[in-house]
Amino acid sequence: MYKFGYYDEICSTVQMAACPLLGDNQIGYEPSCYARNIEVRSSLIFQTAALIIDIIALFMTVIMIFHIRSKYTAVGRKEMVLFFYLYFIMTILDFITISGIIPISSVVYPYFVAAYLGLTSAMCWCLMLNGFIGFQWSEDGTALSLWTFHLTSLLIFGLMYFISIATFKEITPSFDKAHPIGLYVLYFIFNPFCLAVYVVLQIILVVNTLDEYWPLGNICFALIFFIIGQVIQIFLSDKICNAIKHYVDGVFFGTICTLLSVMMIYKYWDSITKEDLEFSVGGKGNVWEVKELLNEDDEFAPYAGQAANTIGHSGVAFANTNSYYGGGQQQQAYMAQQQQPYDMPQQQQPPAQHYAMSQQQQQQPHYQQQAYPPY
């Protein structure tokens, strides 16, 4: 029976980093079933399957951070990348605490667990603040916005860190390891509340401001993955562990679902943000479209053909459409003049060269000529 403010039932179902540090005894809470461990050089490594997912999550987070940073003009780029930085560090701490790399009996183990719990709350808080960026409560990327994100996230991290250490060490009677009410409220109530606020804000943003509702699919998948992962990890971990003979437990599926949820958040953010193509990196070039053709009587019409084979001062060549404008005598005379050597007047050309140029002019098809502007 799950009780509010108590970890005993939760820790008997799933292995969590904080469970060995809680309870009214020296060894803390132990799960009734947990995944098999492996021995590496006389050291036991726990949750091997979950550690593999953590390594994959680190690589995927690096890729997502790279793509976010490359969208220089996207709205909320600097604020959103902070969320992924926190997730990256949290994944490293999760890898260290659940694997046994730092033994539970080590004096530094409680401090790493407290840092992990603090980063989890700071990450949820940072994501909730990102939900307000689309409503322009503050100009994104400014000092006010960035300092608000950094200072408040640091405050949440410090609060969770202090409560965790105070509970693990029982510095006062109010922080009881057998009944860690403060730790329970922050981890199981405050964190989901921040995530729920973010989802609601994004639904309102998409419905009221965007022309299409496809991004809602991404945010809904993120929510579904997160809920499935938490349900499996907290309520079904021991049943899964017993059913598949201790090969994996709910931690493995919870880690996968958390990664998928974070990836869907990135996909959602990427789908609702646009950037100026002038400042894009690695994207497609500008697509130019000719709205109307040049007028044959225009005084600049003869110079359209010259632009097609000209390289500008910046080293960028004009696009050549391999077509010709007009077909009148003015254009033919201009093309003949361009094909002549600059140091030889037209009347002084050898007869054979002049005859070849005349034959080439007669064979040229009379198409319309246009020149695309440079990038």
Protein backbone atom coordinates (compact mmCIF):
# COMPACT_ATOMS: atom_id res chain seq x y z
CA MET A 1 0.00 0.00 0.00
CA TYR A 2 1.51 3.27 -1.13
CA LYS A 3 1.46 5.99 1.51
CA PHE A 4 1.96 9.70 1.03
CA GLY A 5 5.42 10.75 2.14
CA TYR A 6 6.83 7.23 2.45
CA TYR A 7 9.34 5.49 0.20
CA ASP A 8 9.05 1.97 1.58
CA GLU A 9 6.57 0.60 -0.98
CA ILE A 10 8.21 2.41 -3.88
CA CYS A 11 11.69 1.23 -2.96
CA SER A 12 10.48 -2.35 -2.50
CA THR A 13 9.23 -2.26 -6.11
CA VAL A 14 12.05 -0.53 -7.97
CA GLN A 15 15.70 0.23 -7.34
CA MET A 16 16.21 3.98 -6.92
CA ALA A 17 19.40 5.84 -6.07
CA ALA A 18 17.93 7.32 -2.89
CA CYS A 19 16.47 4.11 -1.51
CA PRO A 20 19.64 2.82 0.27
CA LEU A 21 19.86 6.16 2.10
CA LEU A 22 16.28 6.12 3.42
CA GLY A 23 14.48 4.05 6.05
CA ASP A 24 14.78 3.48 9.77
CA ASN A 25 17.78 1.16 9.53
CA GLN A 26 21.38 1.40 8.36
CA ILE A 27 21.00 -0.46 5.07
CA GLY A 28 17.98 1.44 3.81
CA TYR A 29 15.31 0.03 1.52
CA GLU A 30 16.01 -2.82 -0.90
CA PRO A 31 13.88 -3.85 -3.90
CA SER A 32 12.26 -7.26 -3.87
CA CYS A 33 13.57 -7.91 -7.38
CA TYR A 34 16.28 -6.15 -9.34
CA ALA A 35 18.19 -6.71 -12.56
CA ARG A 36 21.22 -8.96 -12.67
CA ASN A 37 24.65 -7.50 -12.14
CA ILE A 38 27.94 -8.29 -13.82
CA GLU A 39 31.45 -8.49 -12.40
CA VAL A 40 34.18 -6.39 -13.99
CA ARG A 41 37.65 -6.69 -12.41
CA SER A 42 36.32 -7.72 -9.01
CA SER A 43 33.73 -4.92 -9.08
CA LEU A 44 30.00 -5.40 -9.43
CA ILE A 45 28.17 -3.31 -12.03
CA PHE A 46 24.43 -3.00 -11.47
CA GLN A 47 21.68 -2.23 -13.98
CA THR A 48 23.79 -3.09 -17.03
CA ALA A 49 20.94 -2.74 -19.52
CA ALA A 50 19.94 0.65 -18.13
CA LEU A 51 23.55 1.81 -18.33
CA ILE A 52 23.63 1.03 -22.05
CA ILE A 53 20.56 3.21 -22.51
CA ASP A 54 22.25 5.97 -20.52
CA ILE A 55 25.23 5.87 -22.87
CA ILE A 56 22.90 6.08 -25.87
CA ALA A 57 21.09 8.97 -24.19
CA LEU A 58 24.37 10.86 -23.80
CA PHE A 59 25.15 10.54 -27.51
CA MET A 60 21.63 11.55 -28.50
CA THR A 61 21.74 14.55 -26.17
CA VAL A 62 24.99 15.75 -27.75
CA ILE A 63 23.37 15.55 -31.20
CA MET A 64 20.29 17.44 -30.05
CA ILE A 65 22.40 20.13 -28.38
CA PHE A 66 24.41 20.54 -31.58
CA HIS A 67 21.28 21.01 -33.69
CA ILE A 68 19.75 23.45 -31.22
CA ARG A 69 22.90 25.56 -31.14
CA SER A 70 23.06 25.59 -34.95
CA LYS A 71 19.64 27.27 -35.21
CA TYR A 72 21.00 30.73 -34.55
CA THR A 73 17.77 32.68 -35.02
CA ALA A 74 15.32 30.19 -33.48
CA VAL A 75 13.15 31.48 -30.67
CA GLY A 76 14.25 30.32 -27.22
CA ARG A 77 17.41 28.62 -28.48
CA LYS A 78 19.61 29.53 -25.51
CA GLU A 79 16.87 28.79 -23.00
CA MET A 80 16.03 25.39 -24.47
CA VAL A 81 19.65 24.28 -24.71
CA LEU A 82 19.97 24.80 -20.93
CA PHE A 83 17.34 22.10 -20.42
CA PHE A 84 19.37 19.63 -22.48
CA TYR A 85 22.56 20.53 -20.63
CA LEU A 86 20.82 19.67 -17.36
CA TYR A 87 19.53 16.41 -18.82
CA PHE A 88 23.04 15.52 -19.99
CA ILE A 89 24.56 16.05 -16.53
CA MET A 90 21.65 14.29 -14.84
CA THR A 91 22.17 11.25 -17.08
CA ILE A 92 25.84 11.09 -16.08
CA LEU A 93 24.91 11.19 -12.39
CA ASP A 94 22.23 8.55 -12.95
CA PHE A 95 24.87 6.38 -14.60
CA ILE A 96 27.20 6.79 -11.63
CA THR A 97 24.68 6.28 -8.83
CA ILE A 98 22.72 3.26 -10.07
CA SER A 99 25.66 1.33 -11.52
CA GLY A 100 27.65 0.97 -8.31
CA ILE A 101 30.66 2.84 -9.68
CA ILE A 102 30.43 4.82 -6.46
CA PRO A 103 29.67 2.24 -3.74
CA ILE A 104 26.68 2.81 -1.54
CA SER A 105 28.93 2.62 1.49
CA SER A 106 31.09 5.48 0.22
CA VAL A 107 30.95 8.75 2.16
CA VAL A 108 30.43 10.72 -1.07
CA TYR A 109 27.50 8.61 -2.29
CA PRO A 110 24.79 10.73 -0.53
CA TYR A 111 26.17 13.90 -2.11
CA PHE A 112 26.04 12.44 -5.62
CA VAL A 113 22.48 11.24 -5.04
CA ALA A 114 21.51 14.69 -3.74
CA ALA A 115 23.06 16.28 -6.85
CA TYR A 116 21.12 13.87 -9.06
CA LEU A 117 17.83 14.69 -7.33
CA GLY A 118 18.60 18.41 -7.47
CA LEU A 119 19.33 18.29 -11.20
CA THR A 120 16.10 16.39 -11.80
CA SER A 121 14.05 19.15 -10.17
CA ALA A 122 16.09 21.90 -11.86
CA MET A 123 15.54 20.26 -15.23
CA CYS A 124 11.77 20.09 -14.74
CA TRP A 125 11.72 23.72 -13.60
CA CYS A 126 13.78 24.82 -16.60
CA LEU A 127 11.42 23.03 -18.97
CA MET A 128 8.42 24.74 -17.37
CA LEU A 129 10.05 28.15 -17.86
CA ASN A 130 10.64 27.28 -21.50
CA GLY A 131 6.90 26.90 -21.82
CA PHE A 132 6.49 30.64 -21.18
CA ILE A 133 8.96 31.70 -23.87
CA GLY A 134 6.36 31.48 -26.62
CA PHE A 135 4.14 33.96 -24.77
CA GLN A 136 6.89 36.61 -24.85
CA TRP A 137 6.91 37.32 -21.12
CA SER A 138 10.48 38.38 -21.79
CA GLU A 139 12.54 38.73 -24.93
CA ASP A 140 14.30 35.41 -25.47
CA GLY A 141 18.09 35.41 -25.46
CA THR A 142 18.34 38.62 -23.45
CA ALA A 143 20.19 39.00 -20.18
CA LEU A 144 16.91 39.16 -18.25
CA SER A 145 15.64 35.92 -19.70
CA LEU A 146 18.92 34.01 -19.35
CA TRP A 147 19.63 35.20 -15.83
CA THR A 148 16.08 34.28 -14.82
CA PHE A 149 16.59 30.76 -16.13
CA HIS A 150 20.01 30.31 -14.58
CA LEU A 151 19.31 31.80 -11.17
CA THR A 152 15.93 30.17 -10.61
CA SER A 153 17.20 26.78 -11.81
CA LEU A 154 20.16 27.12 -9.49
CA LEU A 155 17.78 28.01 -6.66
CA ILE A 156 15.65 24.91 -7.28
CA PHE A 157 18.77 22.77 -7.48
CA GLY A 158 20.08 24.18 -4.21
CA LEU A 159 16.75 23.68 -2.46
CA MET A 160 16.45 20.05 -3.53
CA TYR A 161 20.11 19.42 -2.72
CA PHE A 162 19.76 20.82 0.78
CA ILE A 163 16.57 18.89 1.52
CA SER A 164 18.16 15.67 0.25
CA ILE A 165 21.32 16.01 2.33
CA ALA A 166 19.34 17.12 5.38
CA THR A 167 17.13 14.04 5.03
CA PHE A 168 19.99 11.61 4.45
CA LYS A 169 21.96 12.98 7.41
CA GLU A 170 18.91 13.74 9.59
CA ILE A 171 20.35 17.07 10.65
CA THR A 172 17.10 17.96 12.45
CA PRO A 173 14.13 15.88 13.65
CA SER A 174 12.05 17.47 10.89
CA PHE A 175 14.13 15.64 8.26
CA ASP A 176 13.38 12.03 9.01
CA LYS A 177 14.74 9.26 6.77
CA ALA A 178 11.80 7.02 7.64
CA HIS A 179 9.31 9.69 6.62
CA PRO A 180 11.03 12.01 4.07
CA ILE A 181 8.03 14.22 3.39
CA GLY A 182 10.05 17.09 1.91
CA LEU A 183 11.92 14.85 -0.50
CA TYR A 184 8.70 13.11 -1.46
CA VAL A 185 6.85 16.36 -2.20
CA LEU A 186 9.59 17.78 -4.38
CA TYR A 187 10.28 14.61 -6.32
CA PHE A 188 6.80 13.17 -6.80
CA ILE A 189 4.65 16.32 -6.76
CA PHE A 190 6.72 19.35 -7.72
CA ASN A 191 8.46 17.72 -10.69
CA PRO A 192 5.29 16.34 -12.32
CA PHE A 193 3.57 19.68 -11.68
CA CYS A 194 6.25 21.53 -13.66
CA LEU A 195 5.95 19.06 -16.53
CA ALA A 196 2.15 19.35 -16.56
CA VAL A 197 2.35 23.16 -16.68
CA TYR A 198 4.71 22.95 -19.66
CA VAL A 199 2.38 20.62 -21.57
CA VAL A 200 -0.67 22.81 -20.91
CA LEU A 201 1.19 25.95 -22.00
CA GLN A 202 2.32 24.34 -25.22
CA ILE A 203 -1.19 23.15 -26.06
CA ILE A 204 -2.47 26.70 -25.55
CA LEU A 205 0.38 28.10 -27.64
CA VAL A 206 -0.18 25.76 -30.57
CA VAL A 207 -3.95 26.15 -30.62
CA ASN A 208 -3.89 29.96 -30.43
CA THR A 209 -0.89 30.91 -32.53
CA LEU A 210 -0.03 28.19 -35.05
CA ASP A 211 -1.89 27.41 -38.26
CA GLU A 212 -1.43 23.65 -37.92
CA TYR A 213 -1.77 21.28 -35.00
CA TRP A 214 0.82 18.70 -36.01
CA PRO A 215 3.29 19.75 -33.25
CA LEU A 216 0.71 18.64 -30.69
CA GLY A 217 1.46 15.07 -31.72
CA ASN A 218 5.06 15.45 -30.59
CA ILE A 219 4.17 16.91 -27.22
CA CYS A 220 1.49 14.25 -26.69
CA PHE A 221 3.97 11.48 -27.46
CA ALA A 222 6.41 13.04 -24.98
CA LEU A 223 3.72 13.01 -22.30
CA ILE A 224 2.67 9.44 -23.10
CA PHE A 225 6.24 8.13 -23.00
CA PHE A 226 6.88 9.83 -19.67
CA ILE A 227 3.71 8.45 -18.06
CA ILE A 228 4.37 4.93 -19.35
CA GLY A 229 7.93 5.03 -18.05
CA GLN A 230 6.92 6.18 -14.58
CA VAL A 231 4.09 3.65 -14.31
CA ILE A 232 6.37 0.79 -15.33
CA GLN A 233 9.16 1.93 -13.05
CA ILE A 234 7.12 2.60 -9.91
CA PHE A 235 4.27 0.09 -10.11
CA LEU A 236 5.35 -2.76 -12.41
CA SER A 237 9.10 -3.08 -11.97
CA ASP A 238 9.07 -6.10 -9.66
CA LYS A 239 6.52 -7.94 -11.81
CA ILE A 240 8.58 -7.40 -14.97
CA CYS A 241 11.74 -8.43 -13.18
CA ASN A 242 10.25 -11.70 -11.96
CA ALA A 243 8.62 -12.44 -15.31
CA ILE A 244 11.87 -12.23 -17.30
CA LYS A 245 14.11 -13.81 -14.64
CA HIS A 246 16.02 -10.75 -13.42
CA TYR A 247 17.47 -9.80 -16.80
CA VAL A 248 15.97 -6.31 -16.69
CA ASP A 249 13.56 -4.47 -14.44
CA GLY A 250 11.52 -1.29 -14.52
CA VAL A 251 14.61 0.94 -14.41
CA PHE A 252 15.51 -0.19 -17.91
CA PHE A 253 12.11 0.66 -19.38
CA GLY A 254 11.89 3.87 -17.37
CA THR A 255 15.24 5.04 -18.77
CA ILE A 256 14.13 4.27 -22.34
CA CYS A 257 10.84 6.10 -21.94
CA THR A 258 12.56 9.12 -20.40
CA LEU A 259 14.95 9.31 -23.36
CA LEU A 260 12.08 9.03 -25.84
CA SER A 261 10.18 11.73 -23.98
CA VAL A 262 13.15 14.11 -24.12
CA MET A 263 13.62 13.38 -27.83
CA MET A 264 9.96 14.20 -28.46
CA ILE A 265 10.37 17.49 -26.61
CA TYR A 266 13.26 18.34 -28.92
CA LYS A 267 11.22 17.30 -31.95
CA TYR A 268 8.34 19.49 -30.79
CA TRP A 269 10.58 22.52 -30.23
CA ASP A 270 12.22 22.02 -33.62
CA SER A 271 8.84 21.83 -35.35
CA ILE A 272 7.51 25.11 -33.92
CA THR A 273 10.65 27.22 -34.32
CA LYS A 274 11.63 28.89 -37.55
CA GLU A 275 14.81 30.70 -38.48
CA ASP A 276 15.92 33.21 -41.07
CA LEU A 277 17.49 31.40 -44.01
CA GLU A 278 20.07 34.17 -44.28
CA PHE A 279 21.63 32.99 -41.02
CA SER A 280 20.96 29.26 -41.33
CA VAL A 281 23.85 26.82 -41.09
CA GLY A 282 23.99 23.73 -43.21
CA GLY A 283 20.53 24.33 -44.63
CA LYS A 284 19.35 24.65 -48.19
CA GLY A 285 20.07 27.79 -50.12
CA ASN A 286 17.50 30.44 -50.86
CA VAL A 287 15.08 29.50 -53.60
CA TRP A 288 14.57 32.44 -55.92
CA GLU A 289 11.51 32.80 -58.08
CA VAL A 290 11.09 35.12 -61.07
CA LYS A 291 7.75 36.86 -60.80
CA GLU A 292 7.78 38.51 -64.25
CA LEU A 293 10.01 38.47 -67.30
CA LEU A 294 12.07 41.39 -68.48
CA ASN A 295 10.54 43.71 -71.02
CA GLU A 296 12.23 43.67 -74.40
CA ASP A 297 12.01 47.47 -74.63
CA ASP A 298 13.65 47.90 -71.24
CA GLU A 299 16.99 49.69 -71.46
CA PHE A 300 18.56 47.10 -69.12
CA ALA A 301 17.31 44.08 -71.12
CA PRO A 302 20.52 43.64 -73.17
CA TYR A 303 22.54 43.28 -69.97
CA ALA A 304 20.53 40.29 -68.72
CA GLY A 305 22.66 37.87 -70.70
CA GLN A 306 25.85 39.27 -69.27
CA ALA A 307 24.72 38.54 -65.71
CA ALA A 308 24.25 34.88 -66.56
CA ASN A 309 27.96 34.29 -67.00
CA THR A 310 29.36 36.84 -64.59
CA ILE A 311 31.11 36.20 -61.31
CA GLY A 312 30.64 38.95 -58.77
CA HIS A 313 33.26 40.65 -56.64
CA SER A 314 32.48 38.32 -53.73
CA GLY A 315 33.27 35.24 -55.83
CA VAL A 316 29.62 34.15 -56.17
CA ALA A 317 28.48 33.21 -59.67
CA PHE A 318 25.10 34.19 -61.02
CA ALA A 319 22.80 31.32 -61.94
CA ASN A 320 22.65 30.56 -65.65
CA THR A 321 19.39 29.26 -66.99
CA ASN A 322 20.88 28.46 -70.45
CA SER A 323 18.18 30.50 -72.14
CA TYR A 324 18.21 33.69 -74.19
CA TYR A 325 16.10 36.77 -73.97
CA GLY A 326 14.31 38.32 -76.89
CA GLY A 327 15.82 37.46 -80.23
CA GLY A 328 15.83 40.92 -81.75
CA GLN A 329 18.65 42.62 -83.57
CA GLN A 330 19.74 44.51 -80.47
CA GLN A 331 20.34 41.31 -78.53
CA GLN A 332 22.12 39.59 -81.41
CA ALA A 333 24.43 42.55 -81.87
CA TYR A 334 25.19 42.62 -78.15
CA MET A 335 25.96 38.90 -78.05
CA ALA A 336 28.24 39.23 -81.04
CA GLN A 337 30.04 42.13 -79.35
CA GLN A 338 30.54 40.08 -76.16
CA GLN A 339 32.10 37.22 -78.10
CA GLN A 340 34.68 39.47 -79.75
CA PRO A 341 38.10 39.96 -78.18
CA TYR A 342 38.26 43.17 -76.19
CA ASP A 343 41.51 44.30 -77.78
CA MET A 344 40.28 43.94 -81.39
CA PRO A 345 37.62 46.22 -82.92
CA GLN A 346 34.74 44.53 -84.72
CA GLN A 347 35.62 45.88 -88.18
CA GLN A 348 39.25 44.61 -87.86
CA GLN A 349 38.37 40.96 -87.22
CA PRO A 350 39.60 38.36 -89.66
CA PRO A 351 36.96 37.30 -92.20
CA ALA A 352 36.98 33.67 -91.06
CA GLN A 353 36.31 34.58 -87.44
CA HIS A 354 33.56 37.03 -88.40
CA TYR A 355 31.91 34.38 -90.59
CA ALA A 356 32.00 31.80 -87.76
CA MET A 357 30.39 34.26 -85.38
CA SER A 358 27.62 34.99 -87.87
CA GLN A 359 26.94 31.29 -88.31
CA GLN A 360 26.79 30.85 -84.51
CA GLN A 361 24.32 33.72 -84.17
CA GLN A 362 22.03 32.19 -86.77
CA GLN A 363 22.04 28.80 -85.06
CA GLN A 364 21.27 30.11 -81.59
CA PRO A 365 17.63 29.48 -80.56
CA HIS A 366 15.68 32.58 -79.66
CA TYR A 367 14.62 31.84 -76.16
CA GLN A 368 13.98 34.18 -73.32
CA GLN A 369 16.91 34.95 -71.09
CA GLN A 370 16.78 35.61 -67.39
CA ALA A 371 19.30 35.74 -64.61
CA TYR A 372 18.75 34.70 -61.07
CA PRO A 373 20.07 37.04 -58.42
CA PRO A 374 23.07 35.86 -56.38
CA TYR A 375 22.69 34.33 -52.95
